[in-house]
């Protein structure tokens, strides 16, 4: 998540949004908030109420999706990865300009 935080800062002002989903249950809300504050993550984090659509069901955490403006899943990556790269910045800027 630190890499995603850095990437989101690099893309501030672009037409790119970063949204995190926590699969924790409601009783863990304080734990989730504390984790975000302690790590100074500034992107929005949501805890879904109910079931996620089938395409968002994931075999393990973390799983990262890149979704286009029209809702099409452009990328799904299971596991950790460094997203804070020039290649990813360029990819996201290109997608944002479409």
C-alpha atoms as a PDB file:
ATOM      1  CA  UNK A   1       0.000   0.000   0.000  1.00  0.00           C
ATOM      2  CA  UNK A   2       2.869   2.466   0.462  1.00  0.00           C
ATOM      3  CA  UNK A   3       3.603   2.128  -3.270  1.00  0.00           C
ATOM      4  CA  UNK A   4      -0.018   2.820  -4.120  1.00  0.00           C
ATOM      5  CA  UNK A   5       0.038   5.860  -1.827  1.00  0.00           C
ATOM      6  CA  UNK A   6       3.126   7.170  -3.627  1.00  0.00           C
ATOM      7  CA  UNK A   7       1.559   6.452  -7.014  1.00  0.00           C
ATOM      8  CA  UNK A   8      -1.630   8.276  -6.039  1.00  0.00           C
ATOM      9  CA  UNK A   9       0.426  11.316  -5.040  1.00  0.00           C
ATOM     10  CA  UNK A  10       2.242  11.298  -8.393  1.00  0.00           C
ATOM     11  CA  UNK A  11      -1.082  11.197 -10.230  1.00  0.00           C
ATOM     12  CA  UNK A  12      -2.811  13.911  -8.214  1.00  0.00           C
ATOM     13  CA  UNK A  13      -4.605  16.195 -10.628  1.00  0.00           C
ATOM     14  CA  UNK A  14      -4.944  13.486 -13.280  1.00  0.00           C
ATOM     15  CA  UNK A  15      -8.268  11.824 -13.999  1.00  0.00           C
ATOM     16  CA  UNK A  16      -7.273   8.805 -11.910  1.00  0.00           C
ATOM     17  CA  UNK A  17      -8.926   7.765  -8.670  1.00  0.00           C
ATOM     18  CA  UNK A  18      -7.618   5.316  -6.081  1.00  0.00           C
ATOM     19  CA  UNK A  19     -10.190   3.480  -3.994  1.00  0.00           C
ATOM     20  CA  UNK A  20      -9.434   0.692  -1.556  1.00  0.00           C
ATOM     21  CA  UNK A  21     -11.861  -1.945  -0.377  1.00  0.00           C
ATOM     22  CA  UNK A  22     -11.358  -3.510   3.003  1.00  0.00           C
ATOM     23  CA  UNK A  23     -12.926  -6.948   3.354  1.00  0.00           C
ATOM     24  CA  UNK A  24     -12.854  -6.616   7.135  1.00  0.00           C
ATOM     25  CA  UNK A  25     -16.204  -6.798   8.880  1.00  0.00           C
ATOM     26  CA  UNK A  26     -17.819  -3.845  10.674  1.00  0.00           C
ATOM     27  CA  UNK A  27     -16.388  -4.694  14.137  1.00  0.00           C
ATOM     28  CA  UNK A  28     -12.906  -4.085  12.689  1.00  0.00           C
ATOM     29  CA  UNK A  29     -13.718  -0.531  11.563  1.00  0.00           C
ATOM     30  CA  UNK A  30     -11.614   1.086  14.300  1.00  0.00           C
ATOM     31  CA  UNK A  31      -8.688  -1.198  13.426  1.00  0.00           C
ATOM     32  CA  UNK A  32      -8.955  -0.245   9.744  1.00  0.00           C
ATOM     33  CA  UNK A  33      -9.126   3.489  10.551  1.00  0.00           C
ATOM     34  CA  UNK A  34      -6.143   3.213  12.879  1.00  0.00           C
ATOM     35  CA  UNK A  35      -4.095   1.357  10.244  1.00  0.00           C
ATOM     36  CA  UNK A  36      -4.815   4.042   7.647  1.00  0.00           C
ATOM     37  CA  UNK A  37      -3.978   6.889  10.016  1.00  0.00           C
ATOM     38  CA  UNK A  38      -0.798   5.261  11.349  1.00  0.00           C
ATOM     39  CA  UNK A  39       0.462   4.735   7.797  1.00  0.00           C
ATOM     40  CA  UNK A  40      -0.720   8.153   6.578  1.00  0.00           C
ATOM     41  CA  UNK A  41      -2.682   6.683   3.663  1.00  0.00           C
ATOM     42  CA  UNK A  42      -4.869   9.365   2.102  1.00  0.00           C
ATOM     43  CA  UNK A  43      -6.874   7.412  -0.483  1.00  0.00           C
ATOM     44  CA  UNK A  44     -10.483   6.535   0.339  1.00  0.00           C
ATOM     45  CA  UNK A  45     -11.160   3.110   1.837  1.00  0.00           C
ATOM     46  CA  UNK A  46     -14.577   1.517   1.803  1.00  0.00           C
ATOM     47  CA  UNK A  47     -15.922  -1.508   3.614  1.00  0.00           C
ATOM     48  CA  UNK A  48     -18.595  -3.044   1.351  1.00  0.00           C
ATOM     49  CA  UNK A  49     -21.968  -3.643   2.923  1.00  0.00           C
ATOM     50  CA  UNK A  50     -23.096  -6.983   1.538  1.00  0.00           C
ATOM     51  CA  UNK A  51     -21.646  -9.082  -1.220  1.00  0.00           C
ATOM     52  CA  UNK A  52     -19.179  -7.961  -3.850  1.00  0.00           C
ATOM     53  CA  UNK A  53     -19.957  -8.684  -7.509  1.00  0.00           C
ATOM     54  CA  UNK A  54     -18.532 -11.966  -8.774  1.00  0.00           C
ATOM     55  CA  UNK A  55     -15.786 -10.256 -10.790  1.00  0.00           C
ATOM     56  CA  UNK A  56     -14.440  -8.745  -7.572  1.00  0.00           C
ATOM     57  CA  UNK A  57     -14.252 -12.035  -5.700  1.00  0.00           C
ATOM     58  CA  UNK A  58     -10.588 -12.608  -5.004  1.00  0.00           C
ATOM     59  CA  UNK A  59      -8.578 -15.713  -4.169  1.00  0.00           C
ATOM     60  CA  UNK A  60      -6.253 -13.839  -1.794  1.00  0.00           C
ATOM     61  CA  UNK A  61      -5.446 -10.444  -0.393  1.00  0.00           C
ATOM     62  CA  UNK A  62      -4.145  -8.137  -1.652  1.00  0.00           C
ATOM     63  CA  UNK A  63      -5.776  -8.135  -5.076  1.00  0.00           C
ATOM     64  CA  UNK A  64      -5.576  -5.007  -7.193  1.00  0.00           C
ATOM     65  CA  UNK A  65      -7.927  -4.000  -9.990  1.00  0.00           C
ATOM     66  CA  UNK A  66      -7.587  -1.244 -12.533  1.00  0.00           C
ATOM     67  CA  UNK A  67     -11.030  -0.290 -13.766  1.00  0.00           C
ATOM     68  CA  UNK A  68     -11.710   1.977 -16.736  1.00  0.00           C
ATOM     69  CA  UNK A  69     -14.056   4.948 -16.642  1.00  0.00           C
ATOM     70  CA  UNK A  70     -16.749   2.790 -18.222  1.00  0.00           C
ATOM     71  CA  UNK A  71     -16.381   0.058 -15.584  1.00  0.00           C
ATOM     72  CA  UNK A  72     -14.331  -2.434 -17.604  1.00  0.00           C
ATOM     73  CA  UNK A  73     -11.668  -4.323 -15.622  1.00  0.00           C
ATOM     74  CA  UNK A  74      -8.384  -3.547 -17.396  1.00  0.00           C
ATOM     75  CA  UNK A  75      -6.116  -5.403 -14.991  1.00  0.00           C
ATOM     76  CA  UNK A  76      -6.388  -7.765 -12.055  1.00  0.00           C
ATOM     77  CA  UNK A  77      -3.264  -8.556 -10.051  1.00  0.00           C
ATOM     78  CA  UNK A  78      -3.323 -11.056  -7.182  1.00  0.00           C
ATOM     79  CA  UNK A  79      -0.618 -10.607  -4.567  1.00  0.00           C
ATOM     80  CA  UNK A  80       1.804  -7.851  -3.787  1.00  0.00           C
ATOM     81  CA  UNK A  81       3.474  -5.823  -6.498  1.00  0.00           C
ATOM     82  CA  UNK A  82       5.299  -2.526  -6.816  1.00  0.00           C
ATOM     83  CA  UNK A  83       2.867  -0.252  -8.636  1.00  0.00           C
ATOM     84  CA  UNK A  84       4.958   2.861  -8.128  1.00  0.00           C
ATOM     85  CA  UNK A  85       6.753   2.643 -11.472  1.00  0.00           C
ATOM     86  CA  UNK A  86       7.072   4.884 -14.519  1.00  0.00           C
ATOM     87  CA  UNK A  87       5.385   2.159 -16.581  1.00  0.00           C
ATOM     88  CA  UNK A  88       2.311   2.202 -14.329  1.00  0.00           C
ATOM     89  CA  UNK A  89       2.198   6.016 -14.201  1.00  0.00           C
ATOM     90  CA  UNK A  90       2.259   6.126 -18.008  1.00  0.00           C
ATOM     91  CA  UNK A  91      -0.368   3.362 -18.283  1.00  0.00           C
ATOM     92  CA  UNK A  92      -2.753   5.132 -15.911  1.00  0.00           C
ATOM     93  CA  UNK A  93      -2.268   8.508 -17.603  1.00  0.00           C
ATOM     94  CA  UNK A  94      -2.961   6.886 -20.970  1.00  0.00           C
ATOM     95  CA  UNK A  95      -6.142   5.263 -19.657  1.00  0.00           C
ATOM     96  CA  UNK A  96      -7.274   8.526 -18.077  1.00  0.00           C
ATOM     97  CA  UNK A  97      -6.945  10.363 -21.386  1.00  0.00           C
ATOM     98  CA  UNK A  98      -9.276   7.977 -23.222  1.00  0.00           C
END
